[in-house]
N, C-alpha and C. Protein backbone atom coordinates (compact mmCIF):
# COMPACT_ATOMS: atom_id res chain seq x y z
N MET A 1 -10.18 9.72 -8.01
CA MET A 1 -10.31 8.85 -6.75
C MET A 1 -10.87 7.14 -7.61
N CYS A 2 -9.93 6.36 -7.51
CA CYS A 2 -10.17 5.42 -8.77
C CYS A 2 -8.76 4.77 -7.61
N PRO A 3 -8.98 3.03 -8.28
CA PRO A 3 -8.39 1.85 -7.56
C PRO A 3 -6.79 1.81 -8.07
N LEU A 4 -6.15 3.38 -8.96
CA LEU A 4 -5.23 2.89 -9.31
C LEU A 4 -3.68 2.27 -7.91
N PRO A 5 -3.72 3.21 -7.11
CA PRO A 5 -2.79 2.60 -6.63
C PRO A 5 -2.42 1.66 -6.00
N VAL A 6 -3.86 0.71 -5.49
CA VAL A 6 -4.45 -0.57 -4.88
C VAL A 6 -3.58 -1.36 -6.09
N LEU A 7 -4.30 -1.12 -7.55
CA LEU A 7 -3.83 -2.18 -8.34
C LEU A 7 -2.44 -2.01 -8.67
N ARG A 8 -1.41 -1.50 -8.73
CA ARG A 8 -0.24 -0.67 -8.73
C ARG A 8 0.51 -1.44 -7.78
N LEU A 9 -0.01 -1.75 -6.18
CA LEU A 9 0.65 -1.87 -5.27
C LEU A 9 0.31 -3.30 -5.09
N ALA A 10 -0.97 -4.22 -5.99
CA ALA A 10 -0.99 -5.32 -6.07
C ALA A 10 -0.02 -6.46 -7.29
N LYS A 11 0.31 -5.19 -8.22
CA LYS A 11 1.37 -5.75 -9.32
C LYS A 11 2.84 -5.70 -8.79
N VAL A 12 2.81 -4.74 -8.21
CA VAL A 12 4.11 -4.46 -7.44
C VAL A 12 4.79 -5.75 -6.37
N LEU A 13 3.98 -5.96 -5.63
CA LEU A 13 4.00 -7.44 -4.49
C LEU A 13 4.08 -8.43 -5.20
N ARG A 14 3.44 -8.30 -6.14
CA ARG A 14 3.60 -9.94 -7.22
C ARG A 14 4.74 -10.37 -7.47
N GLY A 15 5.37 -9.10 -7.72
CA GLY A 15 6.76 -9.74 -8.11
C GLY A 15 8.39 -9.55 -7.36
N LEU A 16 7.65 -9.01 -5.93
CA LEU A 16 8.53 -8.92 -4.57
C LEU A 16 8.66 -10.32 -4.03
N ASN A 17 9.75 -11.02 -3.18
CA ASN A 17 9.99 -12.11 -2.40
C ASN A 17 9.62 -11.89 -0.83
N VAL A 18 9.13 -13.24 -0.01
CA VAL A 18 8.17 -13.03 0.91
C VAL A 18 9.55 -12.03 1.85
N GLY A 19 8.60 -11.79 2.54
CA GLY A 19 9.35 -10.11 3.65
C GLY A 19 10.17 -8.59 3.23
N THR A 20 9.82 -8.75 1.91
CA THR A 20 10.39 -7.84 0.97
C THR A 20 9.21 -6.39 1.75
N GLN A 21 10.47 -5.28 2.04
CA GLN A 21 9.50 -4.17 2.33
C GLN A 21 9.07 -3.21 1.47
N LEU A 22 7.80 -2.36 1.16
CA LEU A 22 7.42 -1.66 -0.13
C LEU A 22 7.36 -0.39 0.64
N THR A 23 8.13 0.65 0.57
CA THR A 23 7.23 1.93 0.72
C THR A 23 6.39 2.56 -0.83
N ILE A 24 5.25 2.69 -0.56
CA ILE A 24 4.32 3.84 -0.93
C ILE A 24 3.89 5.30 -0.87
N TRP A 25 3.79 6.12 -1.98
CA TRP A 25 3.17 6.80 -1.59
C TRP A 25 2.42 7.22 -2.57
N ALA A 26 1.29 7.86 -2.09
CA ALA A 26 0.04 7.90 -2.90
C ALA A 26 -0.61 9.46 -2.59
N ASP A 27 -1.18 10.11 -3.56
CA ASP A 27 -1.92 11.39 -3.04
C ASP A 27 -3.09 10.89 -3.47
N ASP A 28 -3.73 9.81 -3.85
CA ASP A 28 -5.52 9.76 -4.21
C ASP A 28 -6.22 9.58 -2.57
N PRO A 29 -6.91 10.27 -2.02
CA PRO A 29 -7.61 10.63 -0.94
C PRO A 29 -8.49 9.08 -0.53
N ILE A 30 -9.14 8.55 -1.25
CA ILE A 30 -9.21 7.19 -0.85
C ILE A 30 -8.58 5.80 -0.69
N ALA A 31 -6.92 6.23 -1.15
CA ALA A 31 -6.18 5.51 -0.67
C ALA A 31 -5.71 5.11 0.95
N VAL A 32 -5.89 6.26 1.66
CA VAL A 32 -6.40 5.87 3.35
C VAL A 32 -7.44 4.76 3.72
N ILE A 33 -8.10 4.37 3.04
CA ILE A 33 -9.11 3.10 2.86
C ILE A 33 -8.72 1.94 2.77
N ASP A 34 -8.21 2.65 1.06
CA ASP A 34 -8.20 1.29 0.07
C ASP A 34 -7.01 0.45 0.20
N ILE A 35 -5.60 1.20 0.73
CA ILE A 35 -4.32 0.80 0.43
C ILE A 35 -4.44 -0.43 2.32
N PRO A 36 -4.84 0.07 3.51
CA PRO A 36 -5.20 -0.87 4.41
C PRO A 36 -5.97 -1.97 4.17
N HIS A 37 -7.07 -1.70 3.52
CA HIS A 37 -8.27 -2.78 3.28
C HIS A 37 -7.53 -3.75 2.26
N PHE A 38 -6.79 -3.26 1.26
CA PHE A 38 -6.05 -4.22 0.80
C PHE A 38 -5.16 -5.11 1.38
N CYS A 39 -4.33 -4.69 1.98
CA CYS A 39 -3.02 -5.79 3.22
C CYS A 39 -4.36 -6.36 4.13
N ALA A 40 -4.85 -5.41 4.37
CA ALA A 40 -6.08 -6.53 5.48
C ALA A 40 -7.24 -8.16 4.67
N GLU A 41 -7.33 -7.63 3.88
CA GLU A 41 -7.81 -8.75 2.74
C GLU A 41 -6.60 -9.88 1.95
N SER A 42 -5.66 -8.97 1.63
CA SER A 42 -4.38 -9.96 1.12
C SER A 42 -3.70 -10.86 1.69
N GLY A 43 -3.07 -10.45 3.31
CA GLY A 43 -2.80 -11.12 4.06
C GLY A 43 -1.31 -10.17 3.91
N HIS A 44 -0.68 -9.38 3.38
CA HIS A 44 0.45 -8.32 3.59
C HIS A 44 0.04 -7.69 4.91
N GLU A 45 0.97 -7.11 5.33
CA GLU A 45 0.92 -6.44 6.79
C GLU A 45 1.55 -5.22 6.35
N LEU A 46 0.81 -4.21 7.06
CA LEU A 46 0.82 -2.74 6.85
C LEU A 46 1.40 -2.23 7.82
N LEU A 47 2.92 -2.05 7.45
CA LEU A 47 3.85 -1.33 8.95
C LEU A 47 3.61 -0.06 9.45
N SER A 48 3.32 0.86 8.61
CA SER A 48 2.81 1.42 8.87
C SER A 48 2.49 2.82 7.99
N GLN A 49 1.93 2.99 8.50
CA GLN A 49 0.83 4.66 7.19
C GLN A 49 0.99 6.36 8.02
N SER A 50 1.18 6.92 7.08
CA SER A 50 1.82 8.32 7.71
C SER A 50 1.51 9.71 6.87
N ASP A 51 1.22 10.69 6.62
CA ASP A 51 1.10 11.79 5.79
C ASP A 51 2.28 13.02 5.97
N GLU A 52 2.46 12.92 4.63
CA GLU A 52 4.29 14.03 4.60
C GLU A 52 2.84 15.16 3.13
N ASP A 53 2.95 16.28 3.96
CA ASP A 53 2.67 17.03 2.51
C ASP A 53 1.09 16.96 1.73
N ASP A 54 0.41 16.21 1.13
CA ASP A 54 -0.09 16.39 0.59
C ASP A 54 -0.90 14.66 -0.22
N PHE A 55 0.87 13.83 0.63
CA PHE A 55 0.90 12.54 0.56
C PHE A 55 0.68 11.75 1.50
N GLN A 56 0.23 10.28 1.36
CA GLN A 56 -0.24 9.53 2.63
C GLN A 56 1.31 8.45 2.25
N ILE A 57 1.86 8.31 2.92
CA ILE A 57 3.14 7.17 3.46
C ILE A 57 2.95 5.95 3.60
N TYR A 58 3.21 4.54 2.72
CA TYR A 58 2.85 3.65 3.61
C TYR A 58 4.28 2.40 3.60
N ILE A 59 4.48 2.34 4.11
CA ILE A 59 5.17 0.83 4.46
C ILE A 59 4.72 -0.54 4.49
N ILE A 60 4.42 -1.13 3.46
CA ILE A 60 4.02 -2.71 3.37
C ILE A 60 5.09 -3.72 3.39
N GLU A 61 4.78 -4.44 4.38
CA GLU A 61 5.71 -6.42 4.21
C GLU A 61 4.62 -6.84 3.23
N ARG A 62 5.72 -7.54 1.86
CA ARG A 62 5.17 -9.17 1.78
C ARG A 62 4.65 -10.49 2.59
N LYS A 63 3.82 -10.56 2.38
CA LYS A 63 3.64 -12.05 3.18
C LYS A 63 3.50 -13.37 2.92
């Protein structure tokens, strides 16, 4: 339970072109709160959020 998924996401997004879509697999249970909040605060678009086994899967578009 740490901010690591969001920190890694922010770092990767900085290196991508606007409009690029990124898929994130996270196993941190707090990511379900942190990643959508990060997207809302930073202006990136959370296109989808789903679960598979013990992972949350997020598709994010860099804005």
